[in-house]
């Protein structure tokens, strides 16, 4: 049995999401899908489990406003595909931005 907070539990709880994301990326890469953009939302628990499932354990709990961006990219010259993952722990810093 998986123990809550363990790597196994994270993989089990996030497995369906990862499988769906993989299928969508493979369909887009092969031309079977015209999907160009997808937005999903979650909470700190979702982000934490997602990172653990990918083998990227976080030293701290995700802060308010944290986000993960997953991009499927194609090298123009070679056609090679790769996935880029960007993790913002908390709100990204905005240059010259103010909140009134």
PDB file of N, CA and C in Angstrom:
ATOM      1  N   UNK A   1       0.827  -1.191   0.000  1.00  0.00           N
ATOM      2  CA  UNK A   1       0.000   0.000   0.000  1.00  0.00           C
ATOM      3  C   UNK A   1       0.863   1.244   0.000  1.00  0.00           C
ATOM      4  N   UNK A   2       0.366   2.248  -0.707  1.00  0.00           N
ATOM      5  CA  UNK A   2       1.088   3.521  -0.748  1.00  0.00           C
ATOM      6  C   UNK A   2       0.782   4.328   0.506  1.00  0.00           C
ATOM      7  N   UNK A   3       1.779   4.972   1.030  1.00  0.00           N
ATOM      8  CA  UNK A   3       1.623   5.811   2.212  1.00  0.00           C
ATOM      9  C   UNK A   3       1.423   7.240   1.752  1.00  0.00           C
ATOM     10  N   UNK A   4       0.438   7.939   2.353  1.00  0.00           N
ATOM     11  CA  UNK A   4       0.173   9.331   1.990  1.00  0.00           C
ATOM     12  C   UNK A   4       1.460  10.136   2.089  1.00  0.00           C
ATOM     13  N   UNK A   5       1.740  10.933   1.061  1.00  0.00           N
ATOM     14  CA  UNK A   5       2.938  11.755   1.032  1.00  0.00           C
ATOM     15  C   UNK A   5       4.140  11.048   0.431  1.00  0.00           C
ATOM     16  N   UNK A   6       4.007   9.767   0.128  1.00  0.00           N
ATOM     17  CA  UNK A   6       5.124   9.028  -0.443  1.00  0.00           C
ATOM     18  C   UNK A   6       5.170   9.222  -1.953  1.00  0.00           C
ATOM     19  N   UNK A   7       6.280   8.836  -2.543  1.00  0.00           N
ATOM     20  CA  UNK A   7       6.430   8.921  -3.992  1.00  0.00           C
ATOM     21  C   UNK A   7       5.407   8.030  -4.680  1.00  0.00           C
ATOM     22  N   UNK A   8       5.164   6.837  -4.127  1.00  0.00           N
ATOM     23  CA  UNK A   8       4.167   5.933  -4.717  1.00  0.00           C
ATOM     24  C   UNK A   8       2.779   6.566  -4.703  1.00  0.00           C
ATOM     25  N   UNK A   9       2.414   7.185  -3.590  1.00  0.00           N
ATOM     26  CA  UNK A   9       1.101   7.826  -3.489  1.00  0.00           C
ATOM     27  C   UNK A   9       0.978   8.969  -4.486  1.00  0.00           C
ATOM     28  N   UNK A  10       2.046   9.737  -4.656  1.00  0.00           N
ATOM     29  CA  UNK A  10       2.027  10.846  -5.612  1.00  0.00           C
ATOM     30  C   UNK A  10       1.841  10.328  -7.023  1.00  0.00           C
ATOM     31  N   UNK A  11       2.555   9.263  -7.362  1.00  0.00           N
ATOM     32  CA  UNK A  11       2.437   8.699  -8.712  1.00  0.00           C
ATOM     33  C   UNK A  11       1.055   8.124  -8.957  1.00  0.00           C
ATOM     34  N   UNK A  12       0.499   7.458  -7.960  1.00  0.00           N
ATOM     35  CA  UNK A  12      -0.845   6.899  -8.104  1.00  0.00           C
ATOM     36  C   UNK A  12      -1.889   7.998  -8.259  1.00  0.00           C
ATOM     37  N   UNK A  13      -1.780   9.054  -7.461  1.00  0.00           N
ATOM     38  CA  UNK A  13      -2.793  10.105  -7.504  1.00  0.00           C
ATOM     39  C   UNK A  13      -2.675  10.990  -8.741  1.00  0.00           C
ATOM     40  N   UNK A  14      -1.525  11.010  -9.377  1.00  0.00           N
ATOM     41  CA  UNK A  14      -1.292  11.879 -10.528  1.00  0.00           C
ATOM     42  C   UNK A  14      -1.206  11.094 -11.830  1.00  0.00           C
ATOM     43  N   UNK A  15      -1.216   9.795 -11.750  1.00  0.00           N
ATOM     44  CA  UNK A  15      -1.021   8.944 -12.915  1.00  0.00           C
ATOM     45  C   UNK A  15      -1.989   9.191 -14.058  1.00  0.00           C
ATOM     46  N   UNK A  16      -3.279   9.336 -13.756  1.00  0.00           N
ATOM     47  CA  UNK A  16      -4.263   9.561 -14.824  1.00  0.00           C
ATOM     48  C   UNK A  16      -4.021  10.893 -15.531  1.00  0.00           C
ATOM     49  N   UNK A  17      -3.685  11.925 -14.762  1.00  0.00           N
ATOM     50  CA  UNK A  17      -3.393  13.224 -15.363  1.00  0.00           C
ATOM     51  C   UNK A  17      -2.172  13.135 -16.273  1.00  0.00           C
ATOM     52  N   UNK A  18      -1.103  12.505 -15.794  1.00  0.00           N
ATOM     53  CA  UNK A  18       0.108  12.373 -16.599  1.00  0.00           C
ATOM     54  C   UNK A  18      -0.155  11.561 -17.862  1.00  0.00           C
ATOM     55  N   UNK A  19      -0.949  10.503 -17.749  1.00  0.00           N
ATOM     56  CA  UNK A  19      -1.275   9.683 -18.919  1.00  0.00           C
ATOM     57  C   UNK A  19      -2.073  10.492 -19.938  1.00  0.00           C
ATOM     58  N   UNK A  20      -3.019  11.298 -19.471  1.00  0.00           N
ATOM     59  CA  UNK A  20      -3.808  12.131 -20.388  1.00  0.00           C
ATOM     60  C   UNK A  20      -2.930  13.188 -21.055  1.00  0.00           C
ATOM     61  N   UNK A  21      -2.040  13.803 -20.287  1.00  0.00           N
ATOM     62  CA  UNK A  21      -1.145  14.811 -20.853  1.00  0.00           C
ATOM     63  C   UNK A  21      -0.223  14.185 -21.897  1.00  0.00           C
ATOM     64  N   UNK A  22       0.287  12.981 -21.611  1.00  0.00           N
ATOM     65  CA  UNK A  22       1.154  12.287 -22.560  1.00  0.00           C
ATOM     66  C   UNK A  22       0.395  11.994 -23.854  1.00  0.00           C
ATOM     67  N   UNK A  23      -0.832  11.492 -23.725  1.00  0.00           N
ATOM     68  CA  UNK A  23      -1.632  11.175 -24.908  1.00  0.00           C
ATOM     69  C   UNK A  23      -1.881  12.424 -25.737  1.00  0.00           C
ATOM     70  N   UNK A  24      -2.213  13.541 -25.087  1.00  0.00           N
ATOM     71  CA  UNK A  24      -2.468  14.779 -25.813  1.00  0.00           C
ATOM     72  C   UNK A  24      -1.217  15.277 -26.525  1.00  0.00           C
ATOM     73  N   UNK A  25      -0.064  15.155 -25.876  1.00  0.00           N
ATOM     74  CA  UNK A  25       1.177  15.601 -26.513  1.00  0.00           C
ATOM     75  C   UNK A  25       1.546  14.700 -27.692  1.00  0.00           C
ATOM     76  N   UNK A  26       1.384  13.397 -27.534  1.00  0.00           N
ATOM     77  CA  UNK A  26       1.674  12.474 -28.634  1.00  0.00           C
ATOM     78  C   UNK A  26       0.731  12.708 -29.816  1.00  0.00           C
ATOM     79  N   UNK A  27      -0.556  12.965 -29.530  1.00  0.00           N
ATOM     80  CA  UNK A  27      -1.515  13.258 -30.598  1.00  0.00           C
ATOM     81  C   UNK A  27      -1.158  14.547 -31.318  1.00  0.00           C
ATOM     82  N   UNK A  28      -0.761  15.563 -30.567  1.00  0.00           N
ATOM     83  CA  UNK A  28      -0.373  16.837 -31.176  1.00  0.00           C
ATOM     84  C   UNK A  28       0.897  16.666 -32.010  1.00  0.00           C
ATOM     85  N   UNK A  29       1.853  15.907 -31.496  1.00  0.00           N
ATOM     86  CA  UNK A  29       3.123  15.706 -32.193  1.00  0.00           C
ATOM     87  C   UNK A  29       2.941  14.941 -33.496  1.00  0.00           C
ATOM     88  N   UNK A  30       1.987  14.025 -33.516  1.00  0.00           N
ATOM     89  CA  UNK A  30       1.782  13.204 -34.712  1.00  0.00           C
ATOM     90  C   UNK A  30       0.804  13.831 -35.696  1.00  0.00           C
ATOM     91  N   UNK A  31       0.177  14.946 -35.307  1.00  0.00           N
ATOM     92  CA  UNK A  31      -0.788  15.598 -36.183  1.00  0.00           C
ATOM     93  C   UNK A  31      -2.201  15.063 -36.049  1.00  0.00           C
ATOM     94  N   UNK A  32      -2.435  14.124 -35.113  1.00  0.00           N
ATOM     95  CA  UNK A  32      -3.783  13.587 -34.903  1.00  0.00           C
ATOM     96  C   UNK A  32      -4.682  14.554 -34.150  1.00  0.00           C
ATOM     97  N   UNK A  33      -4.106  15.618 -33.599  1.00  0.00           N
ATOM     98  CA  UNK A  33      -4.867  16.605 -32.839  1.00  0.00           C
ATOM     99  C   UNK A  33      -4.421  18.002 -33.246  1.00  0.00           C
ATOM    100  N   UNK A  34      -5.378  18.910 -33.309  1.00  0.00           N
ATOM    101  CA  UNK A  34      -5.050  20.304 -33.600  1.00  0.00           C
ATOM    102  C   UNK A  34      -4.940  21.120 -32.313  1.00  0.00           C
ATOM    103  N   UNK A  35      -4.960  20.456 -31.170  1.00  0.00           N
ATOM    104  CA  UNK A  35      -4.868  21.125 -29.880  1.00  0.00           C
ATOM    105  C   UNK A  35      -3.573  21.928 -29.809  1.00  0.00           C
ATOM    106  N   UNK A  36      -3.692  23.213 -29.484  1.00  0.00           N
ATOM    107  CA  UNK A  36      -2.509  24.081 -29.417  1.00  0.00           C
ATOM    108  C   UNK A  36      -2.248  24.599 -28.001  1.00  0.00           C
ATOM    109  N   UNK A  37      -3.276  24.536 -27.139  1.00  0.00           N
ATOM    110  CA  UNK A  37      -3.144  25.147 -25.820  1.00  0.00           C
ATOM    111  C   UNK A  37      -4.118  24.474 -24.868  1.00  0.00           C
ATOM    112  N   UNK A  38      -3.690  24.208 -23.647  1.00  0.00           N
ATOM    113  CA  UNK A  38      -4.548  23.581 -22.640  1.00  0.00           C
ATOM    114  C   UNK A  38      -4.252  24.230 -21.303  1.00  0.00           C
ATOM    115  N   UNK A  39      -5.287  24.560 -20.567  1.00  0.00           N
ATOM    116  CA  UNK A  39      -5.122  25.127 -19.228  1.00  0.00           C
ATOM    117  C   UNK A  39      -5.783  24.186 -18.230  1.00  0.00           C
ATOM    118  N   UNK A  40      -5.051  23.871 -17.205  1.00  0.00           N
ATOM    119  CA  UNK A  40      -5.599  23.096 -16.091  1.00  0.00           C
ATOM    120  C   UNK A  40      -5.317  23.892 -14.823  1.00  0.00           C
ATOM    121  N   UNK A  41      -6.175  23.741 -13.851  1.00  0.00           N
ATOM    122  CA  UNK A  41      -5.924  24.439 -12.587  1.00  0.00           C
ATOM    123  C   UNK A  41      -5.988  23.445 -11.442  1.00  0.00           C
ATOM    124  N   UNK A  42      -5.349  23.809 -10.364  1.00  0.00           N
ATOM    125  CA  UNK A  42      -5.322  22.951  -9.190  1.00  0.00           C
ATOM    126  C   UNK A  42      -4.954  23.768  -7.973  1.00  0.00           C
ATOM    127  N   UNK A  43      -4.526  23.093  -6.962  1.00  0.00           N
ATOM    128  CA  UNK A  43      -4.160  23.735  -5.701  1.00  0.00           C
ATOM    129  C   UNK A  43      -2.732  23.340  -5.339  1.00  0.00           C
ATOM    130  N   UNK A  44      -2.266  23.808  -4.205  1.00  0.00           N
ATOM    131  CA  UNK A  44      -0.919  23.499  -3.760  1.00  0.00           C
ATOM    132  C   UNK A  44      -0.698  21.988  -3.653  1.00  0.00           C
ATOM    133  N   UNK A  45      -1.713  21.269  -3.220  1.00  0.00           N
ATOM    134  CA  UNK A  45      -1.600  19.812  -3.110  1.00  0.00           C
ATOM    135  C   UNK A  45      -1.375  19.198  -4.492  1.00  0.00           C
ATOM    136  N   UNK A  46      -2.127  19.675  -5.491  1.00  0.00           N
ATOM    137  CA  UNK A  46      -1.992  19.167  -6.857  1.00  0.00           C
ATOM    138  C   UNK A  46      -0.585  19.411  -7.393  1.00  0.00           C
ATOM    139  N   UNK A  47      -0.082  20.609  -7.177  1.00  0.00           N
ATOM    140  CA  UNK A  47       1.257  20.958  -7.659  1.00  0.00           C
ATOM    141  C   UNK A  47       2.311  20.097  -6.972  1.00  0.00           C
ATOM    142  N   UNK A  48       2.183  19.948  -5.662  1.00  0.00           N
ATOM    143  CA  UNK A  48       3.129  19.141  -4.894  1.00  0.00           C
ATOM    144  C   UNK A  48       3.141  17.694  -5.397  1.00  0.00           C
ATOM    145  N   UNK A  49       1.956  17.095  -5.572  1.00  0.00           N
ATOM    146  CA  UNK A  49       1.860  15.714  -6.042  1.00  0.00           C
ATOM    147  C   UNK A  49       2.406  15.577  -7.459  1.00  0.00           C
ATOM    148  N   UNK A  50       2.133  16.555  -8.317  1.00  0.00           N
ATOM    149  CA  UNK A  50       2.622  16.535  -9.698  1.00  0.00           C
ATOM    150  C   UNK A  50       4.147  16.527  -9.725  1.00  0.00           C
ATOM    151  N   UNK A  51       4.760  17.398  -8.940  1.00  0.00           N
ATOM    152  CA  UNK A  51       6.222  17.452  -8.874  1.00  0.00           C
ATOM    153  C   UNK A  51       6.813  16.146  -8.346  1.00  0.00           C
ATOM    154  N   UNK A  52       6.198  15.599  -7.293  1.00  0.00           N
ATOM    155  CA  UNK A  52       6.685  14.335  -6.738  1.00  0.00           C
ATOM    156  C   UNK A  52       6.576  13.208  -7.755  1.00  0.00           C
ATOM    157  N   UNK A  53       5.459  13.149  -8.469  1.00  0.00           N
ATOM    158  CA  UNK A  53       5.237  12.090  -9.451  1.00  0.00           C
ATOM    159  C   UNK A  53       6.270  12.139 -10.570  1.00  0.00           C
ATOM    160  N   UNK A  54       6.768  13.333 -10.889  1.00  0.00           N
ATOM    161  CA  UNK A  54       7.789  13.486 -11.920  1.00  0.00           C
ATOM    162  C   UNK A  54       9.206  13.292 -11.367  1.00  0.00           C
ATOM    163  N   UNK A  55       9.284  13.001 -10.072  1.00  0.00           N
ATOM    164  CA  UNK A  55      10.597  12.819  -9.453  1.00  0.00           C
ATOM    165  C   UNK A  55      11.298  14.126  -9.157  1.00  0.00           C
ATOM    166  N   UNK A  56      10.512  15.189  -9.013  1.00  0.00           N
ATOM    167  CA  UNK A  56      11.056  16.523  -8.723  1.00  0.00           C
ATOM    168  C   UNK A  56      10.561  16.997  -7.364  1.00  0.00           C
ATOM    169  N   UNK A  57      10.991  16.357  -6.284  1.00  0.00           N
ATOM    170  CA  UNK A  57      10.484  16.741  -4.967  1.00  0.00           C
ATOM    171  C   UNK A  57      10.877  18.169  -4.620  1.00  0.00           C
ATOM    172  N   UNK A  58       9.950  18.858  -4.030  1.00  0.00           N
ATOM    173  CA  UNK A  58      10.161  20.240  -3.625  1.00  0.00           C
ATOM    174  C   UNK A  58      10.629  20.262  -2.174  1.00  0.00           C
ATOM    175  N   UNK A  59      11.568  21.127  -1.875  1.00  0.00           N
ATOM    176  CA  UNK A  59      12.065  21.263  -0.505  1.00  0.00           C
ATOM    177  C   UNK A  59      11.021  21.899   0.402  1.00  0.00           C
ATOM    178  N   UNK A  60      10.153  22.719  -0.183  1.00  0.00           N
ATOM    179  CA  UNK A  60       9.119  23.410   0.592  1.00  0.00           C
ATOM    180  C   UNK A  60       7.767  23.190  -0.072  1.00  0.00           C
ATOM    181  N   UNK A  61       6.715  23.452   0.677  1.00  0.00           N
ATOM    182  CA  UNK A  61       5.358  23.341   0.134  1.00  0.00           C
ATOM    183  C   UNK A  61       5.149  24.471  -0.879  1.00  0.00           C
ATOM    184  N   UNK A  62       4.458  24.218  -1.996  1.00  0.00           N
ATOM    185  CA  UNK A  62       4.242  25.284  -2.992  1.00  0.00           C
ATOM    186  C   UNK A  62       3.535  26.496  -2.380  1.00  0.00           C
ATOM    187  N   UNK A  63       4.061  27.665  -2.662  1.00  0.00           N
ATOM    188  CA  UNK A  63       3.512  28.909  -2.129  1.00  0.00           C
ATOM    189  C   UNK A  63       2.239  29.316  -2.883  1.00  0.00           C
ATOM    190  N   UNK A  64       1.510  30.258  -2.319  1.00  0.00           N
ATOM    191  CA  UNK A  64       0.303  30.790  -2.955  1.00  0.00           C
ATOM    192  C   UNK A  64       0.655  31.308  -4.348  1.00  0.00           C
ATOM    193  N   UNK A  65      -0.153  30.965  -5.327  1.00  0.00           N
ATOM    194  CA  UNK A  65       0.048  31.443  -6.688  1.00  0.00           C
ATOM    195  C   UNK A  65       1.047  30.634  -7.494  1.00  0.00           C
ATOM    196  N   UNK A  66       1.517  29.518  -6.952  1.00  0.00           N
ATOM    197  CA  UNK A  66       2.492  28.687  -7.680  1.00  0.00           C
ATOM    198  C   UNK A  66       1.876  28.125  -8.951  1.00  0.00           C
ATOM    199  N   UNK A  67       2.723  27.853  -9.920  1.00  0.00           N
ATOM    200  CA  UNK A  67       2.232  27.314 -11.194  1.00  0.00           C
ATOM    201  C   UNK A  67       3.289  26.429 -11.840  1.00  0.00           C
ATOM    202  N   UNK A  68       2.794  25.540 -12.685  1.00  0.00           N
ATOM    203  CA  UNK A  68       3.656  24.696 -13.501  1.00  0.00           C
ATOM    204  C   UNK A  68       3.211  24.878 -14.943  1.00  0.00           C
ATOM    205  N   UNK A  69       4.152  25.148 -15.813  1.00  0.00           N
ATOM    206  CA  UNK A  69       3.873  25.271 -17.241  1.00  0.00           C
ATOM    207  C   UNK A  69       4.589  24.119 -17.934  1.00  0.00           C
ATOM    208  N   UNK A  70       3.834  23.333 -18.695  1.00  0.00           N
ATOM    209  CA  UNK A  70       4.392  22.214 -19.445  1.00  0.00           C
ATOM    210  C   UNK A  70       4.215  22.536 -20.921  1.00  0.00           C
ATOM    211  N   UNK A  71       5.323  22.562 -21.657  1.00  0.00           N
ATOM    212  CA  UNK A  71       5.281  22.910 -23.076  1.00  0.00           C
ATOM    213  C   UNK A  71       5.854  21.784 -23.914  1.00  0.00           C
ATOM    214  N   UNK A  72       5.180  21.485 -25.023  1.00  0.00           N
ATOM    215  CA  UNK A  72       5.708  20.583 -26.025  1.00  0.00           C
ATOM    216  C   UNK A  72       6.305  21.455 -27.119  1.00  0.00           C
ATOM    217  N   UNK A  73       7.602  21.329 -27.334  1.00  0.00           N
ATOM    218  CA  UNK A  73       8.305  22.188 -28.287  1.00  0.00           C
ATOM    219  C   UNK A  73       8.895  21.354 -29.414  1.00  0.00           C
ATOM    220  N   UNK A  74       8.975  21.955 -30.590  1.00  0.00           N
ATOM    221  CA  UNK A  74       9.571  21.294 -31.748  1.00  0.00           C
ATOM    222  C   UNK A  74      10.706  22.166 -32.267  1.00  0.00           C
ATOM    223  N   UNK A  75      11.885  21.567 -32.413  1.00  0.00           N
ATOM    224  CA  UNK A  75      13.024  22.253 -33.018  1.00  0.00           C
ATOM    225  C   UNK A  75      12.733  22.413 -34.504  1.00  0.00           C
ATOM    226  N   UNK A  76      12.732  23.640 -34.986  1.00  0.00           N
ATOM    227  CA  UNK A  76      12.346  23.919 -36.362  1.00  0.00           C
ATOM    228  C   UNK A  76      13.250  23.214 -37.366  1.00  0.00           C
ATOM    229  N   UNK A  77      14.553  23.292 -37.163  1.00  0.00           N
ATOM    230  CA  UNK A  77      15.471  22.744 -38.162  1.00  0.00           C
ATOM    231  C   UNK A  77      15.468  21.211 -38.215  1.00  0.00           C
ATOM    232  N   UNK A  78      15.358  20.556 -37.059  1.00  0.00           N
ATOM    233  CA  UNK A  78      15.449  19.093 -37.031  1.00  0.00           C
ATOM    234  C   UNK A  78      14.095  18.399 -36.885  1.00  0.00           C
ATOM    235  N   UNK A  79      13.100  19.132 -36.406  1.00  0.00           N
ATOM    236  CA  UNK A  79      11.803  18.519 -36.147  1.00  0.00           C
ATOM    237  C   UNK A  79      11.762  17.747 -34.842  1.00  0.00           C
ATOM    238  N   UNK A  80      12.868  17.733 -34.105  1.00  0.00           N
ATOM    239  CA  UNK A  80      12.940  17.003 -32.836  1.00  0.00           C
ATOM    240  C   UNK A  80      11.999  17.637 -31.813  1.00  0.00           C
ATOM    241  N   UNK A  81      11.292  16.791 -31.057  1.00  0.00           N
ATOM    242  CA  UNK A  81      10.363  17.241 -30.026  1.00  0.00           C
ATOM    243  C   UNK A  81      11.005  17.129 -28.659  1.00  0.00           C
ATOM    244  N   UNK A  82      10.638  18.049 -27.778  1.00  0.00           N
ATOM    245  CA  UNK A  82      11.063  17.968 -26.400  1.00  0.00           C
ATOM    246  C   UNK A  82      10.046  18.673 -25.526  1.00  0.00           C
ATOM    247  N   UNK A  83      10.057  18.337 -24.255  1.00  0.00           N
ATOM    248  CA  UNK A  83       9.109  18.902 -23.288  1.00  0.00           C
ATOM    249  C   UNK A  83       9.887  19.789 -22.325  1.00  0.00           C
ATOM    250  N   UNK A  84       9.357  20.995 -22.128  1.00  0.00           N
ATOM    251  CA  UNK A  84       9.949  21.929 -21.163  1.00  0.00           C
ATOM    252  C   UNK A  84       8.960  22.105 -20.022  1.00  0.00           C
ATOM    253  N   UNK A  85       9.462  22.030 -18.807  1.00  0.00           N
ATOM    254  CA  UNK A  85       8.642  22.211 -17.614  1.00  0.00           C
ATOM    255  C   UNK A  85       9.177  23.419 -16.852  1.00  0.00           C
ATOM    256  N   UNK A  86       8.323  24.387 -16.591  1.00  0.00           N
ATOM    257  CA  UNK A  86       8.691  25.585 -15.836  1.00  0.00           C
ATOM    258  C   UNK A  86       7.880  25.602 -14.549  1.00  0.00           C
ATOM    259  N   UNK A  87       8.541  25.753 -13.430  1.00  0.00           N
ATOM    260  CA  UNK A  87       7.874  25.779 -12.131  1.00  0.00           C
ATOM    261  C   UNK A  87       8.113  27.128 -11.481  1.00  0.00           C
ATOM    262  N   UNK A  88       7.031  27.814 -11.176  1.00  0.00           N
ATOM    263  CA  UNK A  88       7.101  29.084 -10.437  1.00  0.00           C
ATOM    264  C   UNK A  88       6.591  28.802  -9.028  1.00  0.00           C
ATOM    265  N   UNK A  89       7.457  28.917  -8.039  1.00  0.00           N
ATOM    266  CA  UNK A  89       7.062  28.715  -6.644  1.00  0.00           C
ATOM    267  C   UNK A  89       6.598  30.060  -6.099  1.00  0.00           C
ATOM    268  N   UNK A  90       5.310  30.276  -6.111  1.00  0.00           N
ATOM    269  CA  UNK A  90       4.736  31.557  -5.731  1.00  0.00           C
ATOM    270  C   UNK A  90       4.436  32.360  -6.979  1.00  0.00           C
ATOM    271  N   UNK A  91       4.087  33.592  -6.778  1.00  0.00           N
ATOM    272  CA  UNK A  91       3.766  34.456  -7.909  1.00  0.00           C
ATOM    273  C   UNK A  91       5.034  34.874  -8.634  1.00  0.00           C
ATOM    274  N   UNK A  92       5.041  34.778  -9.972  1.00  0.00           N
ATOM    275  CA  UNK A  92       6.224  35.245 -10.715  1.00  0.00           C
ATOM    276  C   UNK A  92       6.437  36.742 -10.479  1.00  0.00           C
ATOM    277  N   UNK A  93       7.677  37.159 -10.441  1.00  0.00           N
ATOM    278  CA  UNK A  93       7.984  38.580 -10.266  1.00  0.00           C
ATOM    279  C   UNK A  93       7.681  39.335 -11.548  1.00  0.00           C
ATOM    280  N   UNK A  94       6.969  40.433 -11.414  1.00  0.00           N
ATOM    281  CA  UNK A  94       6.635  41.257 -12.574  1.00  0.00           C
ATOM    282  C   UNK A  94       7.423  42.557 -12.471  1.00  0.00           C
ATOM    283  N   UNK A  95       8.091  42.916 -13.535  1.00  0.00           N
ATOM    284  CA  UNK A  95       8.889  44.125 -13.562  1.00  0.00           C
ATOM    285  C   UNK A  95       7.975  45.334 -13.734  1.00  0.00           C
ATOM    286  N   UNK A  96       8.175  46.338 -12.891  1.00  0.00           N
ATOM    287  CA  UNK A  96       7.406  47.593 -12.949  1.00  0.00           C
ATOM    288  C   UNK A  96       5.899  47.378 -12.839  1.00  0.00           C
ATOM    289  N   UNK A  97       5.480  46.381 -12.068  1.00  0.00           N
ATOM    290  CA  UNK A  97       4.046  46.134 -11.888  1.00  0.00           C
ATOM    291  C   UNK A  97       3.650  46.606 -10.494  1.00  0.00           C
ATOM    292  N   UNK A  98       2.445  47.134 -10.392  1.00  0.00           N
ATOM    293  CA  UNK A  98       1.939  47.561  -9.091  1.00  0.00           C
ATOM    294  C   UNK A  98       0.515  47.063  -8.943  1.00  0.00           C
ATOM    295  N   UNK A  99       0.145  46.817  -7.713  1.00  0.00           N
ATOM    296  CA  UNK A  99      -1.210  46.376  -7.386  1.00  0.00           C
ATOM    297  C   UNK A  99      -1.843  47.476  -6.558  1.00  0.00           C
ATOM    298  N   UNK A 100      -2.935  48.012  -7.059  1.00  0.00           N
ATOM    299  CA  UNK A 100      -3.624  49.093  -6.312  1.00  0.00           C
ATOM    300  C   UNK A 100      -4.781  48.544  -5.513  1.00  0.00           C
TER     301      UNK A 100
END
